[in-house]
Amino acid sequence: MTVLFVEYPKCSTCKKAKAWLDEHGVEYIDRDIVLDNPTDDELATWIARSGLPVRRFFNSSGMKYRELGLKARLDVGMTDRECYELLATDGMLVKRPLLVGDDFAIPGFREAAWTEALL
């Protein structure tokens, strides 16, 4: 199985996750989240596949998240569609790395979750 690995190459967590994939012999397609930001439709599909709330796909520790005051905006209630469209405007808003398979999508590098999905 080949998975999609969406990363920001300068991110230390993404580097760690990529090394984990390589160490475990996982085949993946590498995608730079800044050069090739996911579309709103891709995000909608992946978020549905993950079974997680859309909030989990925001990079809540990023500067852009804070600059845009997104916590407050999410707290007062944005629709899922509004979230997908906003996330699609800038890859730096998206939680990364993002691991996407045929029947799963996992935001962030959680080794246990990746192991369960891939090994």
PDB file of N, CA and C in Angstrom:
ATOM      1  N   MET A   1       0.847  -1.178   0.000  1.00  0.00           N
ATOM      2  CA  MET A   1       0.000   0.000   0.000  1.00  0.00           C
ATOM      3  C   MET A   1       0.890   1.237   0.000  1.00  0.00           C
ATOM      4  N   THR A   2       0.561   2.170  -0.860  1.00  0.00           N
ATOM      5  CA  THR A   2       1.248   3.457  -0.895  1.00  0.00           C
ATOM      6  C   THR A   2       0.331   4.490  -0.258  1.00  0.00           C
ATOM      7  N   VAL A   3       0.894   5.301   0.629  1.00  0.00           N
ATOM      8  CA  VAL A   3       0.123   6.333   1.312  1.00  0.00           C
ATOM      9  C   VAL A   3       0.596   7.704   0.837  1.00  0.00           C
ATOM     10  N   LEU A   4      -0.197   8.697   1.139  1.00  0.00           N
ATOM     11  CA  LEU A   4       0.169  10.076   0.860  1.00  0.00           C
ATOM     12  C   LEU A   4       0.714  10.682   2.143  1.00  0.00           C
ATOM     13  N   PHE A   5       1.905  11.262   2.046  1.00  0.00           N
ATOM     14  CA  PHE A   5       2.556  11.910   3.184  1.00  0.00           C
ATOM     15  C   PHE A   5       2.629  13.397   2.866  1.00  0.00           C
ATOM     16  N   VAL A   6       1.801  14.174   3.559  1.00  0.00           N
ATOM     17  CA  VAL A   6       1.746  15.614   3.331  1.00  0.00           C
ATOM     18  C   VAL A   6       2.555  16.278   4.438  1.00  0.00           C
ATOM     19  N   GLU A   7       3.578  17.035   4.025  1.00  0.00           N
ATOM     20  CA  GLU A   7       4.517  17.578   5.004  1.00  0.00           C
ATOM     21  C   GLU A   7       4.948  18.994   4.668  1.00  0.00           C
ATOM     22  N   TYR A   8       5.525  19.641   5.667  1.00  0.00           N
ATOM     23  CA  TYR A   8       6.262  20.885   5.480  1.00  0.00           C
ATOM     24  C   TYR A   8       7.716  20.491   5.715  1.00  0.00           C
ATOM     25  N   PRO A   9       8.540  20.460   4.666  1.00  0.00           N
ATOM     26  CA  PRO A   9       9.890  19.899   4.769  1.00  0.00           C
ATOM     27  C   PRO A   9      10.788  20.498   5.860  1.00  0.00           C
ATOM     28  N   LYS A  10      10.533  21.723   6.283  1.00  0.00           N
ATOM     29  CA  LYS A  10      11.370  22.343   7.321  1.00  0.00           C
ATOM     30  C   LYS A  10      10.927  21.974   8.738  1.00  0.00           C
ATOM     31  N   CYS A  11       9.793  21.307   8.859  1.00  0.00           N
ATOM     32  CA  CYS A  11       9.213  20.945  10.157  1.00  0.00           C
ATOM     33  C   CYS A  11       9.962  19.751  10.756  1.00  0.00           C
ATOM     34  N   SER A  12      10.422  19.890  11.990  1.00  0.00           N
ATOM     35  CA  SER A  12      11.172  18.809  12.639  1.00  0.00           C
ATOM     36  C   SER A  12      10.303  17.571  12.869  1.00  0.00           C
ATOM     37  N   THR A  13       9.045  17.755  13.195  1.00  0.00           N
ATOM     38  CA  THR A  13       8.154  16.611  13.384  1.00  0.00           C
ATOM     39  C   THR A  13       7.930  15.881  12.058  1.00  0.00           C
ATOM     40  N   CYS A  14       7.819  16.642  10.978  1.00  0.00           N
ATOM     41  CA  CYS A  14       7.661  16.020   9.657  1.00  0.00           C
ATOM     42  C   CYS A  14       8.905  15.213   9.298  1.00  0.00           C
ATOM     43  N   LYS A  15      10.078  15.734   9.616  1.00  0.00           N
ATOM     44  CA  LYS A  15      11.326  15.010   9.344  1.00  0.00           C
ATOM     45  C   LYS A  15      11.364  13.702  10.140  1.00  0.00           C
ATOM     46  N   LYS A  16      10.936  13.770  11.387  1.00  0.00           N
ATOM     47  CA  LYS A  16      10.900  12.583  12.241  1.00  0.00           C
ATOM     48  C   LYS A  16       9.910  11.549  11.683  1.00  0.00           C
ATOM     49  N   ALA A  17       8.754  12.022  11.253  1.00  0.00           N
ATOM     50  CA  ALA A  17       7.733  11.137  10.701  1.00  0.00           C
ATOM     51  C   ALA A  17       8.209  10.496   9.398  1.00  0.00           C
ATOM     52  N   LYS A  18       8.871  11.274   8.570  1.00  0.00           N
ATOM     53  CA  LYS A  18       9.384  10.744   7.300  1.00  0.00           C
ATOM     54  C   LYS A  18      10.441   9.673   7.569  1.00  0.00           C
ATOM     55  N   ALA A  19      11.303   9.915   8.550  1.00  0.00           N
ATOM     56  CA  ALA A  19      12.315   8.919   8.921  1.00  0.00           C
ATOM     57  C   ALA A  19      11.630   7.640   9.409  1.00  0.00           C
ATOM     58  N   TRP A  20      10.542   7.784  10.167  1.00  0.00           N
ATOM     59  CA  TRP A  20       9.791   6.624  10.656  1.00  0.00           C
ATOM     60  C   TRP A  20       9.239   5.816   9.483  1.00  0.00           C
ATOM     61  N   LEU A  21       8.657   6.507   8.501  1.00  0.00           N
ATOM     62  CA  LEU A  21       8.135   5.822   7.313  1.00  0.00           C
ATOM     63  C   LEU A  21       9.246   5.060   6.606  1.00  0.00           C
ATOM     64  N   ASP A  22      10.393   5.719   6.435  1.00  0.00           N
ATOM     65  CA  ASP A  22      11.529   5.084   5.764  1.00  0.00           C
ATOM     66  C   ASP A  22      12.037   3.874   6.546  1.00  0.00           C
ATOM     67  N   GLU A  23      12.149   4.022   7.860  1.00  0.00           N
ATOM     68  CA  GLU A  23      12.632   2.927   8.716  1.00  0.00           C
ATOM     69  C   GLU A  23      11.716   1.709   8.659  1.00  0.00           C
ATOM     70  N   HIS A  24      10.429   1.951   8.452  1.00  0.00           N
ATOM     71  CA  HIS A  24       9.460   0.860   8.431  1.00  0.00           C
ATOM     72  C   HIS A  24       9.127   0.406   7.013  1.00  0.00           C
ATOM     73  N   GLY A  25       9.851   0.923   6.033  1.00  0.00           N
ATOM     74  CA  GLY A  25       9.665   0.482   4.649  1.00  0.00           C
ATOM     75  C   GLY A  25       8.309   0.812   4.058  1.00  0.00           C
ATOM     76  N   VAL A  26       7.696   1.889   4.522  1.00  0.00           N
ATOM     77  CA  VAL A  26       6.380   2.285   4.016  1.00  0.00           C
ATOM     78  C   VAL A  26       6.566   3.076   2.715  1.00  0.00           C
ATOM     79  N   GLU A  27       5.862   2.659   1.690  1.00  0.00           N
ATOM     80  CA  GLU A  27       5.892   3.403   0.422  1.00  0.00           C
ATOM     81  C   GLU A  27       4.954   4.596   0.536  1.00  0.00           C
ATOM     82  N   TYR A  28       5.451   5.754   0.099  1.00  0.00           N
ATOM     83  CA  TYR A  28       4.623   6.951   0.202  1.00  0.00           C
ATOM     84  C   TYR A  28       4.904   7.924  -0.938  1.00  0.00           C
ATOM     85  N   ILE A  29       3.897   8.725  -1.195  1.00  0.00           N
ATOM     86  CA  ILE A  29       4.018   9.846  -2.105  1.00  0.00           C
ATOM     87  C   ILE A  29       4.205  11.065  -1.218  1.00  0.00           C
ATOM     88  N   ASP A  30       5.275  11.794  -1.448  1.00  0.00           N
ATOM     89  CA  ASP A  30       5.623  12.957  -0.629  1.00  0.00           C
ATOM     90  C   ASP A  30       5.033  14.217  -1.258  1.00  0.00           C
ATOM     91  N   ARG A  31       4.351  15.005  -0.444  1.00  0.00           N
ATOM     92  CA  ARG A  31       3.721  16.231  -0.943  1.00  0.00           C
ATOM     93  C   ARG A  31       4.029  17.388   0.004  1.00  0.00           C
ATOM     94  N   ASP A  32       4.604  18.430  -0.542  1.00  0.00           N
ATOM     95  CA  ASP A  32       4.927  19.645   0.221  1.00  0.00           C
ATOM     96  C   ASP A  32       3.644  20.450   0.387  1.00  0.00           C
ATOM     97  N   ILE A  33       3.250  20.673   1.627  1.00  0.00           N
ATOM     98  CA  ILE A  33       1.968  21.312   1.919  1.00  0.00           C
ATOM     99  C   ILE A  33       1.925  22.788   1.532  1.00  0.00           C
ATOM    100  N   VAL A  34       3.091  23.402   1.393  1.00  0.00           N
ATOM    101  CA  VAL A  34       3.120  24.808   0.983  1.00  0.00           C
ATOM    102  C   VAL A  34       3.090  24.921  -0.543  1.00  0.00           C
ATOM    103  N   LEU A  35       3.864  24.087  -1.215  1.00  0.00           N
ATOM    104  CA  LEU A  35       3.910  24.137  -2.678  1.00  0.00           C
ATOM    105  C   LEU A  35       2.669  23.533  -3.323  1.00  0.00           C
ATOM    106  N   ASP A  36       2.038  22.594  -2.637  1.00  0.00           N
ATOM    107  CA  ASP A  36       0.868  21.897  -3.173  1.00  0.00           C
ATOM    108  C   ASP A  36      -0.154  21.717  -2.060  1.00  0.00           C
ATOM    109  N   ASN A  37      -0.741  22.837  -1.648  1.00  0.00           N
ATOM    110  CA  ASN A  37      -1.705  22.819  -0.554  1.00  0.00           C
ATOM    111  C   ASN A  37      -2.935  22.000  -0.924  1.00  0.00           C
ATOM    112  N   PRO A  38      -3.445  21.213   0.016  1.00  0.00           N
ATOM    113  CA  PRO A  38      -4.669  20.454  -0.265  1.00  0.00           C
ATOM    114  C   PRO A  38      -5.833  21.379  -0.623  1.00  0.00           C
ATOM    115  N   THR A  39      -6.685  20.898  -1.501  1.00  0.00           N
ATOM    116  CA  THR A  39      -7.886  21.648  -1.857  1.00  0.00           C
ATOM    117  C   THR A  39      -8.952  21.459  -0.785  1.00  0.00           C
ATOM    118  N   ASP A  40      -9.976  22.285  -0.832  1.00  0.00           N
ATOM    119  CA  ASP A  40     -11.057  22.137   0.142  1.00  0.00           C
ATOM    120  C   ASP A  40     -11.758  20.781  -0.012  1.00  0.00           C
ATOM    121  N   ASP A  41     -11.894  20.302  -1.238  1.00  0.00           N
ATOM    122  CA  ASP A  41     -12.534  18.993  -1.438  1.00  0.00           C
ATOM    123  C   ASP A  41     -11.657  17.851  -0.916  1.00  0.00           C
ATOM    124  N   GLU A  42     -10.338  17.945  -1.137  1.00  0.00           N
ATOM    125  CA  GLU A  42      -9.440  16.930  -0.584  1.00  0.00           C
ATOM    126  C   GLU A  42      -9.537  16.920   0.940  1.00  0.00           C
ATOM    127  N   LEU A  43      -9.508  18.104   1.526  1.00  0.00           N
ATOM    128  CA  LEU A  43      -9.584  18.201   2.984  1.00  0.00           C
ATOM    129  C   LEU A  43     -10.896  17.624   3.505  1.00  0.00           C
ATOM    130  N   ALA A  44     -11.992  17.931   2.836  1.00  0.00           N
ATOM    131  CA  ALA A  44     -13.294  17.393   3.254  1.00  0.00           C
ATOM    132  C   ALA A  44     -13.278  15.866   3.225  1.00  0.00           C
ATOM    133  N   THR A  45     -12.709  15.301   2.179  1.00  0.00           N
ATOM    134  CA  THR A  45     -12.621  13.841   2.058  1.00  0.00           C
ATOM    135  C   THR A  45     -11.746  13.265   3.160  1.00  0.00           C
ATOM    136  N   TRP A  46     -10.582  13.851   3.358  1.00  0.00           N
ATOM    137  CA  TRP A  46      -9.644  13.327   4.351  1.00  0.00           C
ATOM    138  C   TRP A  46     -10.188  13.451   5.766  1.00  0.00           C
ATOM    139  N   ILE A  47     -10.820  14.571   6.062  1.00  0.00           N
ATOM    140  CA  ILE A  47     -11.364  14.775   7.409  1.00  0.00           C
ATOM    141  C   ILE A  47     -12.486  13.772   7.665  1.00  0.00           C
ATOM    142  N   ALA A  48     -13.336  13.550   6.672  1.00  0.00           N
ATOM    143  CA  ALA A  48     -14.393  12.542   6.822  1.00  0.00           C
ATOM    144  C   ALA A  48     -13.772  11.160   7.038  1.00  0.00           C
ATOM    145  N   ARG A  49     -12.726  10.868   6.297  1.00  0.00           N
ATOM    146  CA  ARG A  49     -12.045   9.567   6.396  1.00  0.00           C
ATOM    147  C   ARG A  49     -11.405   9.377   7.768  1.00  0.00           C
ATOM    148  N   SER A  50     -10.991  10.472   8.376  1.00  0.00           N
ATOM    149  CA  SER A  50     -10.309  10.392   9.673  1.00  0.00           C
ATOM    150  C   SER A  50     -11.265  10.084  10.819  1.00  0.00           C
ATOM    151  N   GLY A  51     -12.519  10.504  10.677  1.00  0.00           N
ATOM    152  CA  GLY A  51     -13.476  10.355  11.766  1.00  0.00           C
ATOM    153  C   GLY A  51     -13.273  11.367  12.880  1.00  0.00           C
ATOM    154  N   LEU A  52     -12.411  12.340  12.648  1.00  0.00           N
ATOM    155  CA  LEU A  52     -12.097  13.361  13.657  1.00  0.00           C
ATOM    156  C   LEU A  52     -12.841  14.656  13.346  1.00  0.00           C
ATOM    157  N   PRO A  53     -13.022  15.500  14.358  1.00  0.00           N
ATOM    158  CA  PRO A  53     -13.611  16.811  14.086  1.00  0.00           C
ATOM    159  C   PRO A  53     -12.648  17.668  13.251  1.00  0.00           C
ATOM    160  N   VAL A  54     -13.202  18.551  12.458  1.00  0.00           N
ATOM    161  CA  VAL A  54     -12.399  19.392  11.564  1.00  0.00           C
ATOM    162  C   VAL A  54     -11.346  20.206  12.328  1.00  0.00           C
ATOM    163  N   ARG A  55     -11.650  20.572  13.556  1.00  0.00           N
ATOM    164  CA  ARG A  55     -10.701  21.347  14.379  1.00  0.00           C
ATOM    165  C   ARG A  55      -9.342  20.676  14.495  1.00  0.00           C
ATOM    166  N   ARG A  56      -9.333  19.358  14.501  1.00  0.00           N
ATOM    167  CA  ARG A  56      -8.085  18.608  14.669  1.00  0.00           C
ATOM    168  C   ARG A  56      -7.151  18.767  13.480  1.00  0.00           C
ATOM    169  N   PHE A  57      -7.656  19.301  12.385  1.00  0.00           N
ATOM    170  CA  PHE A  57      -6.834  19.484  11.190  1.00  0.00           C
ATOM    171  C   PHE A  57      -6.219  20.881  11.096  1.00  0.00           C
ATOM    172  N   PHE A  58      -6.486  21.718  12.083  1.00  0.00           N
ATOM    173  CA  PHE A  58      -5.858  23.040  12.127  1.00  0.00           C
ATOM    174  C   PHE A  58      -4.526  22.943  12.864  1.00  0.00           C
ATOM    175  N   ASN A  59      -3.526  23.621  12.347  1.00  0.00           N
ATOM    176  CA  ASN A  59      -2.220  23.720  12.996  1.00  0.00           C
ATOM    177  C   ASN A  59      -2.329  24.785  14.090  1.00  0.00           C
ATOM    178  N   SER A  60      -2.861  24.390  15.224  1.00  0.00           N
ATOM    179  CA  SER A  60      -3.179  25.342  16.293  1.00  0.00           C
ATOM    180  C   SER A  60      -1.942  25.927  16.968  1.00  0.00           C
ATOM    181  N   SER A  61      -0.777  25.395  16.700  1.00  0.00           N
ATOM    182  CA  SER A  61       0.439  25.964  17.274  1.00  0.00           C
ATOM    183  C   SER A  61       1.162  26.888  16.292  1.00  0.00           C
ATOM    184  N   GLY A  62       0.602  27.068  15.115  1.00  0.00           N
ATOM    185  CA  GLY A  62       1.241  27.895  14.094  1.00  0.00           C
ATOM    186  C   GLY A  62       0.972  29.382  14.263  1.00  0.00           C
ATOM    187  N   MET A  63       1.894  30.170  13.750  1.00  0.00           N
ATOM    188  CA  MET A  63       1.764  31.631  13.808  1.00  0.00           C
ATOM    189  C   MET A  63       0.522  32.108  13.065  1.00  0.00           C
ATOM    190  N   LYS A  64       0.275  31.539  11.901  1.00  0.00           N
ATOM    191  CA  LYS A  64      -0.853  31.956  11.073  1.00  0.00           C
ATOM    192  C   LYS A  64      -2.183  31.740  11.817  1.00  0.00           C
ATOM    193  N   TYR A  65      -2.275  30.628  12.538  1.00  0.00           N
ATOM    194  CA  TYR A  65      -3.471  30.306  13.324  1.00  0.00           C
ATOM    195  C   TYR A  65      -3.726  31.414  14.356  1.00  0.00           C
ATOM    196  N   ARG A  66      -2.659  31.816  15.033  1.00  0.00           N
ATOM    197  CA  ARG A  66      -2.789  32.874  16.043  1.00  0.00           C
ATOM    198  C   ARG A  66      -3.073  34.228  15.403  1.00  0.00           C
ATOM    199  N   GLU A  67      -2.360  34.535  14.316  1.00  0.00           N
ATOM    200  CA  GLU A  67      -2.550  35.818  13.637  1.00  0.00           C
ATOM    201  C   GLU A  67      -3.993  36.014  13.191  1.00  0.00           C
ATOM    202  N   LEU A  68      -4.614  34.964  12.730  1.00  0.00           N
ATOM    203  CA  LEU A  68      -5.989  35.044  12.227  1.00  0.00           C
ATOM    204  C   LEU A  68      -7.041  34.888  13.329  1.00  0.00           C
ATOM    205  N   GLY A  69      -6.578  34.678  14.568  1.00  0.00           N
ATOM    206  CA  GLY A  69      -7.514  34.518  15.679  1.00  0.00           C
ATOM    207  C   GLY A  69      -8.474  33.350  15.471  1.00  0.00           C
ATOM    208  N   LEU A  70      -7.938  32.239  14.979  1.00  0.00           N
ATOM    209  CA  LEU A  70      -8.810  31.133  14.597  1.00  0.00           C
ATOM    210  C   LEU A  70      -9.450  30.401  15.764  1.00  0.00           C
ATOM    211  N   LYS A  71      -8.804  30.373  16.910  1.00  0.00           N
ATOM    212  CA  LYS A  71      -9.434  29.700  18.051  1.00  0.00           C
ATOM    213  C   LYS A  71     -10.789  30.347  18.353  1.00  0.00           C
ATOM    214  N   ALA A  72     -10.800  31.667  18.413  1.00  0.00           N
ATOM    215  CA  ALA A  72     -12.046  32.382  18.701  1.00  0.00           C
ATOM    216  C   ALA A  72     -13.070  32.161  17.589  1.00  0.00           C
ATOM    217  N   ARG A  73     -12.618  32.173  16.353  1.00  0.00           N
ATOM    218  CA  ARG A  73     -13.534  31.963  15.221  1.00  0.00           C
ATOM    219  C   ARG A  73     -14.131  30.559  15.251  1.00  0.00           C
ATOM    220  N   LEU A  74     -13.303  29.576  15.581  1.00  0.00           N
ATOM    221  CA  LEU A  74     -13.807  28.204  15.678  1.00  0.00           C
ATOM    222  C   LEU A  74     -14.746  28.049  16.865  1.00  0.00           C
ATOM    223  N   ASP A  75     -14.409  28.726  17.967  1.00  0.00           N
ATOM    224  CA  ASP A  75     -15.235  28.626  19.172  1.00  0.00           C
ATOM    225  C   ASP A  75     -16.651  29.163  18.952  1.00  0.00           C
ATOM    226  N   VAL A  76     -16.784  30.223  18.153  1.00  0.00           N
ATOM    227  CA  VAL A  76     -18.120  30.782  17.927  1.00  0.00           C
ATOM    228  C   VAL A  76     -18.891  30.012  16.857  1.00  0.00           C
ATOM    229  N   GLY A  77     -18.173  29.151  16.152  1.00  0.00           N
ATOM    230  CA  GLY A  77     -18.864  28.259  15.218  1.00  0.00           C
ATOM    231  C   GLY A  77     -18.673  28.589  13.754  1.00  0.00           C
ATOM    232  N   MET A  78     -17.760  27.896  13.139  1.00  0.00           N
ATOM    233  CA  MET A  78     -17.610  27.944  11.685  1.00  0.00           C
ATOM    234  C   MET A  78     -18.182  26.621  11.167  1.00  0.00           C
ATOM    235  N   THR A  79     -18.776  26.658  10.009  1.00  0.00           N
ATOM    236  CA  THR A  79     -19.263  25.415   9.422  1.00  0.00           C
ATOM    237  C   THR A  79     -18.063  24.590   8.956  1.00  0.00           C
ATOM    238  N   ASP A  80     -18.283  23.302   8.774  1.00  0.00           N
ATOM    239  CA  ASP A  80     -17.203  22.465   8.261  1.00  0.00           C
ATOM    240  C   ASP A  80     -16.743  22.979   6.904  1.00  0.00           C
ATOM    241  N   ARG A  81     -17.678  23.361   6.041  1.00  0.00           N
ATOM    242  CA  ARG A  81     -17.330  23.856   4.703  1.00  0.00           C
ATOM    243  C   ARG A  81     -16.458  25.112   4.817  1.00  0.00           C
ATOM    244  N   GLU A  82     -16.793  26.020   5.721  1.00  0.00           N
ATOM    245  CA  GLU A  82     -15.970  27.223   5.929  1.00  0.00           C
ATOM    246  C   GLU A  82     -14.568  26.837   6.379  1.00  0.00           C
ATOM    247  N   CYS A  83     -14.472  25.826   7.222  1.00  0.00           N
ATOM    248  CA  CYS A  83     -13.158  25.352   7.688  1.00  0.00           C
ATOM    249  C   CYS A  83     -12.349  24.771   6.537  1.00  0.00           C
ATOM    250  N   TYR A  84     -12.981  23.921   5.710  1.00  0.00           N
ATOM    251  CA  TYR A  84     -12.267  23.332   4.569  1.00  0.00           C
ATOM    252  C   TYR A  84     -11.736  24.426   3.656  1.00  0.00           C
ATOM    253  N   GLU A  85     -12.588  25.416   3.388  1.00  0.00           N
ATOM    254  CA  GLU A  85     -12.195  26.497   2.482  1.00  0.00           C
ATOM    255  C   GLU A  85     -11.065  27.328   3.074  1.00  0.00           C
ATOM    256  N   LEU A  86     -11.112  27.579   4.360  1.00  0.00           N
ATOM    257  CA  LEU A  86     -10.046  28.343   5.011  1.00  0.00           C
ATOM    258  C   LEU A  86      -8.743  27.555   5.022  1.00  0.00           C
ATOM    259  N   LEU A  87      -8.801  26.296   5.384  1.00  0.00           N
ATOM    260  CA  LEU A  87      -7.594  25.463   5.395  1.00  0.00           C
ATOM    261  C   LEU A  87      -6.950  25.392   4.010  1.00  0.00           C
ATOM    262  N   ALA A  88      -7.762  25.414   2.976  1.00  0.00           N
ATOM    263  CA  ALA A  88      -7.256  25.310   1.606  1.00  0.00           C
ATOM    264  C   ALA A  88      -6.557  26.580   1.136  1.00  0.00           C
ATOM    265  N   THR A  89      -6.673  27.660   1.893  1.00  0.00           N
ATOM    266  CA  THR A  89      -6.031  28.916   1.476  1.00  0.00           C
ATOM    267  C   THR A  89      -4.548  28.962   1.793  1.00  0.00           C
ATOM    268  N   ASP A  90      -4.100  28.171   2.771  1.00  0.00           N
ATOM    269  CA  ASP A  90      -2.702  28.253   3.199  1.00  0.00           C
ATOM    270  C   ASP A  90      -2.297  26.959   3.892  1.00  0.00           C
ATOM    271  N   GLY A  91      -1.303  26.278   3.329  1.00  0.00           N
ATOM    272  CA  GLY A  91      -0.837  25.016   3.902  1.00  0.00           C
ATOM    273  C   GLY A  91      -0.341  25.140   5.327  1.00  0.00           C
ATOM    274  N   MET A  92       0.100  26.330   5.715  1.00  0.00           N
ATOM    275  CA  MET A  92       0.603  26.511   7.073  1.00  0.00           C
ATOM    276  C   MET A  92      -0.513  26.455   8.112  1.00  0.00           C
ATOM    277  N   LEU A  93      -1.757  26.491   7.681  1.00  0.00           N
ATOM    278  CA  LEU A  93      -2.888  26.362   8.612  1.00  0.00           C
ATOM    279  C   LEU A  93      -3.219  24.907   8.928  1.00  0.00           C
ATOM    280  N   VAL A  94      -2.710  24.008   8.105  1.00  0.00           N
ATOM    281  CA  VAL A  94      -3.063  22.592   8.217  1.00  0.00           C
ATOM    282  C   VAL A  94      -2.103  21.860   9.152  1.00  0.00           C
ATOM    283  N   LYS A  95      -2.652  21.059  10.054  1.00  0.00           N
ATOM    284  CA  LYS A  95      -1.859  20.219  10.960  1.00  0.00           C
ATOM    285  C   LYS A  95      -1.027  19.260  10.129  1.00  0.00           C
ATOM    286  N   ARG A  96       0.224  19.158  10.472  1.00  0.00           N
ATOM    287  CA  ARG A  96       1.115  18.296   9.717  1.00  0.00           C
ATOM    288  C   ARG A  96       2.067  17.583  10.649  1.00  0.00           C
ATOM    289  N   PRO A  97       2.645  16.499  10.165  1.00  0.00           N
ATOM    290  CA  PRO A  97       2.393  15.885   8.885  1.00  0.00           C
ATOM    291  C   PRO A  97       0.989  15.295   8.835  1.00  0.00           C
ATOM    292  N   LEU A  98       0.580  15.010   7.640  1.00  0.00           N
ATOM    293  CA  LEU A  98      -0.726  14.414   7.421  1.00  0.00           C
ATOM    294  C   LEU A  98      -0.509  13.132   6.635  1.00  0.00           C
ATOM    295  N   LEU A  99      -0.972  12.038   7.191  1.00  0.00           N
ATOM    296  CA  LEU A  99      -0.818  10.732   6.564  1.00  0.00           C
ATOM    297  C   LEU A  99      -2.180  10.285   6.056  1.00  0.00           C
ATOM    298  N   VAL A 100      -2.256  10.011   4.755  1.00  0.00           N
ATOM    299  CA  VAL A 100      -3.542   9.669   4.136  1.00  0.00           C
ATOM    300  C   VAL A 100      -3.434   8.339   3.409  1.00  0.00           C
ATOM    301  N   GLY A 101      -4.330   7.432   3.768  1.00  0.00           N
ATOM    302  CA  GLY A 101      -4.442   6.141   3.101  1.00  0.00           C
ATOM    303  C   GLY A 101      -5.823   5.990   2.496  1.00  0.00           C
ATOM    304  N   ASP A 102      -6.090   4.833   1.929  1.00  0.00           N
ATOM    305  CA  ASP A 102      -7.385   4.597   1.285  1.00  0.00           C
ATOM    306  C   ASP A 102      -8.558   4.697   2.251  1.00  0.00           C
ATOM    307  N   ASP A 103      -8.330   4.319   3.507  1.00  0.00           N
ATOM    308  CA  ASP A 103      -9.438   4.312   4.466  1.00  0.00           C
ATOM    309  C   ASP A 103      -9.097   5.018   5.777  1.00  0.00           C
ATOM    310  N   PHE A 104      -8.093   5.885   5.756  1.00  0.00           N
ATOM    311  CA  PHE A 104      -7.741   6.634   6.962  1.00  0.00           C
ATOM    312  C   PHE A 104      -7.042   7.947   6.593  1.00  0.00           C
ATOM    313  N   ALA A 105      -7.061   8.860   7.536  1.00  0.00           N
ATOM    314  CA  ALA A 105      -6.287  10.097   7.451  1.00  0.00           C
ATOM    315  C   ALA A 105      -5.923  10.461   8.885  1.00  0.00           C
ATOM    316  N   ILE A 106      -4.636  10.698   9.115  1.00  0.00           N
ATOM    317  CA  ILE A 106      -4.163  10.970  10.471  1.00  0.00           C
ATOM    318  C   ILE A 106      -3.379  12.286  10.463  1.00  0.00           C
ATOM    319  N   PRO A 107      -3.911  13.314  11.150  1.00  0.00           N
ATOM    320  CA  PRO A 107      -3.176  14.569  11.257  1.00  0.00           C
ATOM    321  C   PRO A 107      -2.164  14.486  12.398  1.00  0.00           C
ATOM    322  N   GLY A 108      -0.947  14.963  12.138  1.00  0.00           N
ATOM    323  CA  GLY A 108       0.085  14.933  13.166  1.00  0.00           C
ATOM    324  C   GLY A 108       0.756  13.571  13.216  1.00  0.00           C
ATOM    325  N   PHE A 109       1.925  13.534  13.839  1.00  0.00           N
ATOM    326  CA  PHE A 109       2.664  12.275  13.947  1.00  0.00           C
ATOM    327  C   PHE A 109       2.452  11.680  15.321  1.00  0.00           C
ATOM    328  N   ARG A 110       1.597  10.660  15.350  1.00  0.00           N
ATOM    329  CA  ARG A 110       1.381   9.874  16.561  1.00  0.00           C
ATOM    330  C   ARG A 110       1.773   8.453  16.203  1.00  0.00           C
ATOM    331  N   GLU A 111       2.942   8.053  16.662  1.00  0.00           N
ATOM    332  CA  GLU A 111       3.518   6.778  16.249  1.00  0.00           C
ATOM    333  C   GLU A 111       2.558   5.610  16.436  1.00  0.00           C
ATOM    334  N   ALA A 112       1.839   5.568  17.543  1.00  0.00           N
ATOM    335  CA  ALA A 112       0.911   4.457  17.791  1.00  0.00           C
ATOM    336  C   ALA A 112      -0.179   4.409  16.722  1.00  0.00           C
ATOM    337  N   ALA A 113      -0.719   5.555  16.370  1.00  0.00           N
ATOM    338  CA  ALA A 113      -1.774   5.608  15.355  1.00  0.00           C
ATOM    339  C   ALA A 113      -1.226   5.218  13.986  1.00  0.00           C
ATOM    340  N   TRP A 114      -0.020   5.671  13.684  1.00  0.00           N
ATOM    341  CA  TRP A 114       0.590   5.330  12.397  1.00  0.00           C
ATOM    342  C   TRP A 114       0.890   3.834  12.333  1.00  0.00           C
ATOM    343  N   THR A 115       1.375   3.290  13.444  1.00  0.00           N
ATOM    344  CA  THR A 115       1.673   1.857  13.493  1.00  0.00           C
ATOM    345  C   THR A 115       0.402   1.057  13.263  1.00  0.00           C
ATOM    346  N   GLU A 116      -0.662   1.435  13.942  1.00  0.00           N
ATOM    347  CA  GLU A 116      -1.935   0.725  13.807  1.00  0.00           C
ATOM    348  C   GLU A 116      -2.468   0.785  12.366  1.00  0.00           C
ATOM    349  N   ALA A 117      -2.307   1.927  11.727  1.00  0.00           N
ATOM    350  CA  ALA A 117      -2.816   2.097  10.370  1.00  0.00           C
ATOM    351  C   ALA A 117      -1.962   1.395   9.317  1.00  0.00           C
ATOM    352  N   LEU A 118      -0.662   1.307   9.567  1.00  0.00           N
ATOM    353  CA  LEU A 118       0.256   0.859   8.507  1.00  0.00           C
ATOM    354  C   LEU A 118       0.913  -0.484   8.709  1.00  0.00           C
ATOM    355  N   LEU A 119       1.084  -0.905   9.955  1.00  0.00           N
ATOM    356  CA  LEU A 119       1.890  -2.113  10.181  1.00  0.00           C
ATOM    357  C   LEU A 119       1.064  -3.282  10.686  1.00  0.00           C
TER     358      LEU A 119
END
